[in-house]
Amino acid sequence: MYRIIRLQQANDLRDFMNPACHSPYDVGVHTENNQIADAKSILGLMALDYDKGVKVVTEDVEFLKKLDRWAVSEE
């Protein structure tokens, strides 16, 4: 399962990573340019470009529900 989100501020990155770190499942972040990062890695997340939406991929349905405030329609 996946969800498209857009993080716009540094605090958004921190607020996104916190629940990702508590998820018992793997959480991947995929960009339009085929970059992939582990959502539990601050260095990996900081290396990505968030100008466009990113795809968050995980099997954790509860985690995906927590992304409502950053969710965007599929582009």
C-alpha atoms as a PDB file:
ATOM      1  CA  MET A   1       0.000   0.000   0.000  1.00  0.00           C
ATOM      2  CA  TYR A   2       1.136   3.538  -0.563  1.00  0.00           C
ATOM      3  CA  ARG A   3       0.228   7.170  -0.121  1.00  0.00           C
ATOM      4  CA  ILE A   4       1.464  10.315  -1.875  1.00  0.00           C
ATOM      5  CA  ILE A   5       2.577  13.082   0.492  1.00  0.00           C
ATOM      6  CA  ARG A   6       4.371  16.419   0.304  1.00  0.00           C
ATOM      7  CA  LEU A   7       6.579  17.601   3.172  1.00  0.00           C
ATOM      8  CA  GLN A   8       7.227  21.346   3.054  1.00  0.00           C
ATOM      9  CA  GLN A   9       9.039  22.265   6.274  1.00  0.00           C
ATOM     10  CA  ALA A  10      11.853  20.775   8.344  1.00  0.00           C
ATOM     11  CA  ASN A  11       9.405  20.131  11.171  1.00  0.00           C
ATOM     12  CA  ASP A  12       7.262  18.095   8.778  1.00  0.00           C
ATOM     13  CA  LEU A  13      10.208  15.786   8.173  1.00  0.00           C
ATOM     14  CA  ARG A  14      10.678  15.252  11.907  1.00  0.00           C
ATOM     15  CA  ASP A  15       6.947  14.763  12.481  1.00  0.00           C
ATOM     16  CA  PHE A  16       6.813  12.239   9.616  1.00  0.00           C
ATOM     17  CA  MET A  17       9.850  10.279  10.772  1.00  0.00           C
ATOM     18  CA  ASN A  18       8.711   9.872  14.394  1.00  0.00           C
ATOM     19  CA  PRO A  19       5.719   7.575  13.691  1.00  0.00           C
ATOM     20  CA  ALA A  20       7.699   5.827  10.929  1.00  0.00           C
ATOM     21  CA  CYS A  21      10.313   4.838  13.515  1.00  0.00           C
ATOM     22  CA  HIS A  22       7.596   3.355  15.717  1.00  0.00           C
ATOM     23  CA  SER A  23       6.095   1.279  12.915  1.00  0.00           C
ATOM     24  CA  PRO A  24       6.852  -2.447  13.116  1.00  0.00           C
ATOM     25  CA  TYR A  25       6.898  -2.540   9.289  1.00  0.00           C
ATOM     26  CA  ASP A  26       9.384  -1.246   6.741  1.00  0.00           C
ATOM     27  CA  VAL A  27       8.483   2.206   5.415  1.00  0.00           C
ATOM     28  CA  GLY A  28      10.002   3.353   2.139  1.00  0.00           C
ATOM     29  CA  VAL A  29       9.902   6.773   0.522  1.00  0.00           C
ATOM     30  CA  HIS A  30      10.106   6.878  -3.287  1.00  0.00           C
ATOM     31  CA  THR A  31      10.584   9.996  -5.402  1.00  0.00           C
ATOM     32  CA  GLU A  32       9.565  10.626  -8.980  1.00  0.00           C
ATOM     33  CA  ASN A  33      13.271  10.434  -9.925  1.00  0.00           C
ATOM     34  CA  ASN A  34      13.590   6.843  -8.656  1.00  0.00           C
ATOM     35  CA  GLN A  35      15.312   7.778  -5.409  1.00  0.00           C
ATOM     36  CA  ILE A  36      14.396   5.538  -2.502  1.00  0.00           C
ATOM     37  CA  ALA A  37      14.994   6.122   1.206  1.00  0.00           C
ATOM     38  CA  ASP A  38      14.141   4.332   4.417  1.00  0.00           C
ATOM     39  CA  ALA A  39      11.625   6.511   6.286  1.00  0.00           C
ATOM     40  CA  LYS A  40      13.400   5.589   9.527  1.00  0.00           C
ATOM     41  CA  SER A  41      16.690   7.142   8.353  1.00  0.00           C
ATOM     42  CA  ILE A  42      17.092  10.885   8.842  1.00  0.00           C
ATOM     43  CA  LEU A  43      20.049  11.023   6.437  1.00  0.00           C
ATOM     44  CA  GLY A  44      18.123   9.140   3.783  1.00  0.00           C
ATOM     45  CA  LEU A  45      15.103  11.402   4.164  1.00  0.00           C
ATOM     46  CA  MET A  46      17.175  14.581   4.060  1.00  0.00           C
ATOM     47  CA  ALA A  47      18.720  13.522   0.739  1.00  0.00           C
ATOM     48  CA  LEU A  48      15.362  13.436  -1.063  1.00  0.00           C
ATOM     49  CA  ASP A  49      13.692  16.213  -3.042  1.00  0.00           C
ATOM     50  CA  TYR A  50      10.246  17.096  -1.669  1.00  0.00           C
ATOM     51  CA  ASP A  51       9.287  19.749  -4.243  1.00  0.00           C
ATOM     52  CA  LYS A  52       6.957  17.190  -5.772  1.00  0.00           C
ATOM     53  CA  GLY A  53       5.006  14.587  -3.876  1.00  0.00           C
ATOM     54  CA  VAL A  54       6.769  11.444  -2.701  1.00  0.00           C
ATOM     55  CA  LYS A  55       5.287   7.976  -2.472  1.00  0.00           C
ATOM     56  CA  VAL A  56       5.306   6.380   0.981  1.00  0.00           C
ATOM     57  CA  VAL A  57       5.172   2.590   0.699  1.00  0.00           C
ATOM     58  CA  THR A  58       4.396   0.302   3.646  1.00  0.00           C
ATOM     59  CA  GLU A  59       2.109  -2.483   4.805  1.00  0.00           C
ATOM     60  CA  ASP A  60       1.285  -0.509   7.985  1.00  0.00           C
ATOM     61  CA  VAL A  61      -2.275   0.748   7.458  1.00  0.00           C
ATOM     62  CA  GLU A  62      -2.294   2.632  10.763  1.00  0.00           C
ATOM     63  CA  PHE A  63       0.851   4.542   9.790  1.00  0.00           C
ATOM     64  CA  LEU A  64      -0.648   5.502   6.424  1.00  0.00           C
ATOM     65  CA  LYS A  65      -3.674   6.958   8.232  1.00  0.00           C
ATOM     66  CA  LYS A  66      -1.336   9.285  10.168  1.00  0.00           C
ATOM     67  CA  LEU A  67      -0.228  10.941   6.914  1.00  0.00           C
ATOM     68  CA  ASP A  68      -3.505  12.794   6.295  1.00  0.00           C
ATOM     69  CA  ARG A  69      -2.085  16.272   6.918  1.00  0.00           C
ATOM     70  CA  TRP A  70       0.561  15.829   4.200  1.00  0.00           C
ATOM     71  CA  ALA A  71      -1.506  13.840   1.714  1.00  0.00           C
ATOM     72  CA  VAL A  72      -1.847  15.113  -1.848  1.00  0.00           C
ATOM     73  CA  SER A  73      -3.769  13.764  -4.772  1.00  0.00           C
ATOM     74  CA  GLU A  74      -1.892  11.444  -7.081  1.00  0.00           C
ATOM     75  CA  GLU A  75      -0.119  13.505  -9.740  1.00  0.00           C
END
